Amino acid sequence: MDILLPVRLLSVSGLRLGEDRNLKLADVDFDAAVLTIRGTKFGKSRLVPMHASICRVLQEYLKRRRQHCAAQASSPYLFTSQLGNRLER
């Protein structure tokens, strides 16, 4: 799996570190190619568009995550530790 994917997403999306770490699976809309960022710096939500290449990489990441780690597969967070917890700094 690509352990640098959260960092790569930060670099192409303009997300803040906390926003990236708090992303949940429900916040990713592959059909519309957008991320829903909830509870931003000023307590609002916003939509962040995703390029098609990012959508493909995220879909591949999720596919591999489901195949290789049951704890991660059941986590609501997009980026998780091997135990299925939200990534920490």
N, C-alpha and C. Protein backbone atom coordinates (compact mmCIF):
# COMPACT_ATOMS: atom_id res chain seq x y z
N MET A 1 0.84 -1.18 0.00
CA MET A 1 0.00 0.00 0.00
C MET A 1 0.88 1.24 0.00
N ASP A 2 0.34 2.29 -0.48
CA ASP A 2 1.08 3.55 -0.58
C ASP A 2 0.99 4.30 0.75
N ILE A 3 2.04 4.20 1.56
CA ILE A 3 2.00 4.84 2.87
C ILE A 3 2.11 6.36 2.77
N LEU A 4 2.49 6.85 1.60
CA LEU A 4 2.59 8.30 1.41
C LEU A 4 1.32 8.91 0.82
N LEU A 5 0.31 8.10 0.59
CA LEU A 5 -0.93 8.61 -0.02
C LEU A 5 -1.54 9.79 0.74
N PRO A 6 -1.63 9.75 2.07
CA PRO A 6 -2.19 10.94 2.76
C PRO A 6 -1.38 12.21 2.49
N VAL A 7 -0.07 12.09 2.39
CA VAL A 7 0.78 13.25 2.11
C VAL A 7 0.58 13.71 0.67
N ARG A 8 0.46 12.76 -0.23
CA ARG A 8 0.21 13.11 -1.63
C ARG A 8 -1.12 13.83 -1.80
N LEU A 9 -2.13 13.36 -1.08
CA LEU A 9 -3.43 14.01 -1.15
C LEU A 9 -3.33 15.45 -0.64
N LEU A 10 -2.58 15.65 0.43
CA LEU A 10 -2.37 17.00 0.94
C LEU A 10 -1.75 17.90 -0.13
N SER A 11 -0.78 17.38 -0.83
CA SER A 11 -0.05 18.20 -1.79
C SER A 11 -0.88 18.59 -3.01
N VAL A 12 -1.85 17.78 -3.39
CA VAL A 12 -2.63 18.10 -4.59
C VAL A 12 -3.98 18.72 -4.29
N SER A 13 -4.42 18.66 -3.04
CA SER A 13 -5.78 19.11 -2.73
C SER A 13 -5.86 20.43 -1.97
N GLY A 14 -4.78 20.79 -1.29
CA GLY A 14 -4.83 22.00 -0.47
C GLY A 14 -5.47 21.76 0.89
N LEU A 15 -5.67 20.50 1.27
CA LEU A 15 -6.24 20.21 2.58
C LEU A 15 -5.24 20.52 3.68
N ARG A 16 -5.77 20.79 4.85
CA ARG A 16 -4.93 20.92 6.03
C ARG A 16 -4.69 19.51 6.59
N LEU A 17 -3.64 19.35 7.37
CA LEU A 17 -3.29 18.03 7.90
C LEU A 17 -4.45 17.41 8.69
N GLY A 18 -5.07 18.19 9.55
CA GLY A 18 -6.19 17.67 10.34
C GLY A 18 -7.38 17.27 9.48
N GLU A 19 -7.61 18.01 8.39
CA GLU A 19 -8.71 17.68 7.49
C GLU A 19 -8.43 16.36 6.78
N ASP A 20 -7.21 16.17 6.38
CA ASP A 20 -6.79 14.94 5.71
C ASP A 20 -6.96 13.74 6.66
N ARG A 21 -6.50 13.88 7.89
CA ARG A 21 -6.57 12.80 8.87
C ARG A 21 -8.01 12.48 9.27
N ASN A 22 -8.89 13.47 9.23
CA ASN A 22 -10.28 13.28 9.66
C ASN A 22 -11.21 12.82 8.54
N LEU A 23 -10.71 12.68 7.32
CA LEU A 23 -11.57 12.24 6.22
C LEU A 23 -12.14 10.86 6.51
N LYS A 24 -13.41 10.72 6.26
CA LYS A 24 -14.08 9.43 6.41
C LYS A 24 -14.48 8.92 5.03
N LEU A 25 -14.72 7.65 4.95
CA LEU A 25 -15.10 7.05 3.68
C LEU A 25 -16.33 7.73 3.09
N ALA A 26 -17.26 8.12 3.95
CA ALA A 26 -18.49 8.78 3.50
C ALA A 26 -18.23 10.16 2.91
N ASP A 27 -17.05 10.71 3.16
CA ASP A 27 -16.70 12.04 2.64
C ASP A 27 -16.15 12.00 1.22
N VAL A 28 -15.94 10.80 0.70
CA VAL A 28 -15.37 10.64 -0.64
C VAL A 28 -16.48 10.26 -1.61
N ASP A 29 -16.69 11.11 -2.61
CA ASP A 29 -17.70 10.85 -3.63
C ASP A 29 -16.97 10.67 -4.96
N PHE A 30 -16.76 9.41 -5.34
CA PHE A 30 -16.04 9.14 -6.57
C PHE A 30 -16.85 9.51 -7.81
N ASP A 31 -18.18 9.39 -7.74
CA ASP A 31 -19.02 9.73 -8.90
C ASP A 31 -18.93 11.22 -9.23
N ALA A 32 -18.97 12.06 -8.21
CA ALA A 32 -18.87 13.50 -8.43
C ALA A 32 -17.42 14.00 -8.39
N ALA A 33 -16.50 13.13 -8.00
CA ALA A 33 -15.06 13.46 -7.89
C ALA A 33 -14.84 14.63 -6.93
N VAL A 34 -15.44 14.51 -5.74
CA VAL A 34 -15.25 15.54 -4.72
C VAL A 34 -15.05 14.91 -3.35
N LEU A 35 -14.35 15.64 -2.51
CA LEU A 35 -14.21 15.31 -1.10
C LEU A 35 -15.05 16.31 -0.32
N THR A 36 -15.78 15.85 0.67
CA THR A 36 -16.51 16.74 1.56
C THR A 36 -15.66 16.91 2.81
N ILE A 37 -15.24 18.13 3.05
CA ILE A 37 -14.41 18.44 4.21
C ILE A 37 -15.32 19.02 5.27
N ARG A 38 -15.45 18.32 6.39
CA ARG A 38 -16.37 18.72 7.46
C ARG A 38 -15.59 19.32 8.63
N GLY A 39 -16.22 20.25 9.31
CA GLY A 39 -15.60 20.85 10.49
C GLY A 39 -14.27 21.52 10.19
N THR A 40 -14.27 22.39 9.21
CA THR A 40 -13.04 23.06 8.81
C THR A 40 -12.60 24.07 9.87
N LYS A 41 -11.60 24.82 9.54
CA LYS A 41 -11.00 25.78 10.47
C LYS A 41 -12.04 26.67 11.13
N PHE A 42 -13.05 27.07 10.40
CA PHE A 42 -14.09 27.95 10.96
C PHE A 42 -15.41 27.23 11.18
N GLY A 43 -15.35 25.89 11.31
CA GLY A 43 -16.52 25.11 11.64
C GLY A 43 -17.50 24.88 10.50
N LYS A 44 -17.09 25.17 9.28
CA LYS A 44 -17.98 24.97 8.13
C LYS A 44 -17.53 23.74 7.37
N SER A 45 -18.30 23.41 6.35
CA SER A 45 -17.94 22.32 5.45
C SER A 45 -17.70 22.89 4.06
N ARG A 46 -16.89 22.17 3.29
CA ARG A 46 -16.65 22.61 1.92
C ARG A 46 -16.39 21.39 1.04
N LEU A 47 -16.56 21.57 -0.25
CA LEU A 47 -16.30 20.52 -1.22
C LEU A 47 -14.97 20.80 -1.91
N VAL A 48 -14.16 19.77 -2.05
CA VAL A 48 -12.87 19.89 -2.72
C VAL A 48 -12.88 18.95 -3.92
N PRO A 49 -12.71 19.49 -5.13
CA PRO A 49 -12.71 18.62 -6.31
C PRO A 49 -11.47 17.74 -6.35
N MET A 50 -11.63 16.55 -6.93
CA MET A 50 -10.51 15.63 -7.10
C MET A 50 -10.28 15.38 -8.59
N HIS A 51 -9.04 15.37 -8.99
CA HIS A 51 -8.68 15.01 -10.35
C HIS A 51 -8.95 13.52 -10.54
N ALA A 52 -9.22 13.11 -11.76
CA ALA A 52 -9.50 11.70 -12.06
C ALA A 52 -8.36 10.79 -11.62
N SER A 53 -7.13 11.26 -11.72
CA SER A 53 -5.99 10.42 -11.31
C SER A 53 -5.98 10.17 -9.81
N ILE A 54 -6.40 11.16 -9.02
CA ILE A 54 -6.49 10.99 -7.57
C ILE A 54 -7.61 10.01 -7.24
N CYS A 55 -8.72 10.11 -7.94
CA CYS A 55 -9.83 9.16 -7.73
C CYS A 55 -9.35 7.73 -7.96
N ARG A 56 -8.60 7.51 -9.03
CA ARG A 56 -8.11 6.16 -9.33
C ARG A 56 -7.18 5.66 -8.24
N VAL A 57 -6.27 6.51 -7.78
CA VAL A 57 -5.33 6.11 -6.74
C VAL A 57 -6.07 5.79 -5.44
N LEU A 58 -7.05 6.61 -5.07
CA LEU A 58 -7.81 6.37 -3.85
C LEU A 58 -8.63 5.08 -3.97
N GLN A 59 -9.22 4.83 -5.12
CA GLN A 59 -9.99 3.61 -5.30
C GLN A 59 -9.09 2.37 -5.19
N GLU A 60 -7.90 2.44 -5.76
CA GLU A 60 -6.96 1.32 -5.66
C GLU A 60 -6.51 1.13 -4.21
N TYR A 61 -6.26 2.22 -3.51
CA TYR A 61 -5.88 2.16 -2.10
C TYR A 61 -6.98 1.46 -1.28
N LEU A 62 -8.23 1.86 -1.49
CA LEU A 62 -9.33 1.26 -0.74
C LEU A 62 -9.52 -0.21 -1.08
N LYS A 63 -9.34 -0.57 -2.33
CA LYS A 63 -9.44 -1.96 -2.74
C LYS A 63 -8.38 -2.80 -2.02
N ARG A 64 -7.16 -2.34 -2.02
CA ARG A 64 -6.08 -3.08 -1.35
C ARG A 64 -6.28 -3.12 0.16
N ARG A 65 -6.78 -2.03 0.70
CA ARG A 65 -7.02 -1.98 2.15
C ARG A 65 -8.04 -3.03 2.56
N ARG A 66 -9.12 -3.16 1.79
CA ARG A 66 -10.15 -4.17 2.08
C ARG A 66 -9.59 -5.58 1.97
N GLN A 67 -8.69 -5.80 1.02
CA GLN A 67 -8.15 -7.14 0.80
C GLN A 67 -7.16 -7.57 1.87
N HIS A 68 -6.40 -6.63 2.43
CA HIS A 68 -5.27 -7.00 3.26
C HIS A 68 -5.42 -6.79 4.75
N CYS A 69 -6.42 -6.05 5.19
CA CYS A 69 -6.49 -5.79 6.62
C CYS A 69 -7.93 -5.61 7.06
N ALA A 70 -8.44 -6.58 7.80
CA ALA A 70 -9.84 -6.54 8.26
C ALA A 70 -10.10 -5.35 9.17
N ALA A 71 -9.14 -5.01 10.04
CA ALA A 71 -9.33 -3.87 10.95
C ALA A 71 -9.48 -2.57 10.17
N GLN A 72 -8.69 -2.41 9.14
CA GLN A 72 -8.78 -1.20 8.32
C GLN A 72 -10.05 -1.20 7.50
N ALA A 73 -10.46 -2.36 7.02
CA ALA A 73 -11.65 -2.45 6.18
C ALA A 73 -12.90 -2.00 6.91
N SER A 74 -12.96 -2.19 8.22
CA SER A 74 -14.15 -1.82 8.97
C SER A 74 -14.10 -0.39 9.53
N SER A 75 -13.00 0.30 9.35
CA SER A 75 -12.87 1.66 9.88
C SER A 75 -13.65 2.67 9.04
N PRO A 76 -14.27 3.65 9.68
CA PRO A 76 -14.96 4.69 8.91
C PRO A 76 -13.99 5.72 8.32
N TYR A 77 -12.74 5.72 8.77
CA TYR A 77 -11.76 6.72 8.31
C TYR A 77 -11.12 6.29 6.99
N LEU A 78 -10.81 7.26 6.17
CA LEU A 78 -10.17 7.00 4.89
C LEU A 78 -8.74 6.51 5.09
N PHE A 79 -7.97 7.21 5.91
CA PHE A 79 -6.59 6.84 6.17
C PHE A 79 -6.48 6.31 7.60
N THR A 80 -5.99 5.08 7.72
CA THR A 80 -5.97 4.42 9.02
C THR A 80 -4.60 3.84 9.33
N SER A 81 -4.41 3.57 10.60
CA SER A 81 -3.26 2.79 11.03
C SER A 81 -3.56 1.33 10.73
N GLN A 82 -2.60 0.45 10.97
CA GLN A 82 -2.82 -0.98 10.74
C GLN A 82 -3.89 -1.55 11.67
N LEU A 83 -4.15 -0.85 12.77
CA LEU A 83 -5.18 -1.30 13.71
C LEU A 83 -6.57 -0.80 13.34
N GLY A 84 -6.65 0.03 12.29
CA GLY A 84 -7.93 0.57 11.87
C GLY A 84 -8.29 1.89 12.50
N ASN A 85 -7.39 2.46 13.31
CA ASN A 85 -7.64 3.76 13.93
C ASN A 85 -7.29 4.88 12.95
N ARG A 86 -7.81 6.04 13.23
CA ARG A 86 -7.47 7.22 12.44
C ARG A 86 -5.96 7.46 12.54
N LEU A 87 -5.36 7.88 11.45
CA LEU A 87 -3.93 8.18 11.47
C LEU A 87 -3.65 9.30 12.45
N GLU A 88 -2.57 9.15 13.18
CA GLU A 88 -2.11 10.21 14.07
C GLU A 88 -0.95 10.92 13.39
N ARG A 89 -0.54 12.03 13.97
CA ARG A 89 0.56 12.79 13.37
C ARG A 89 1.78 11.95 13.32
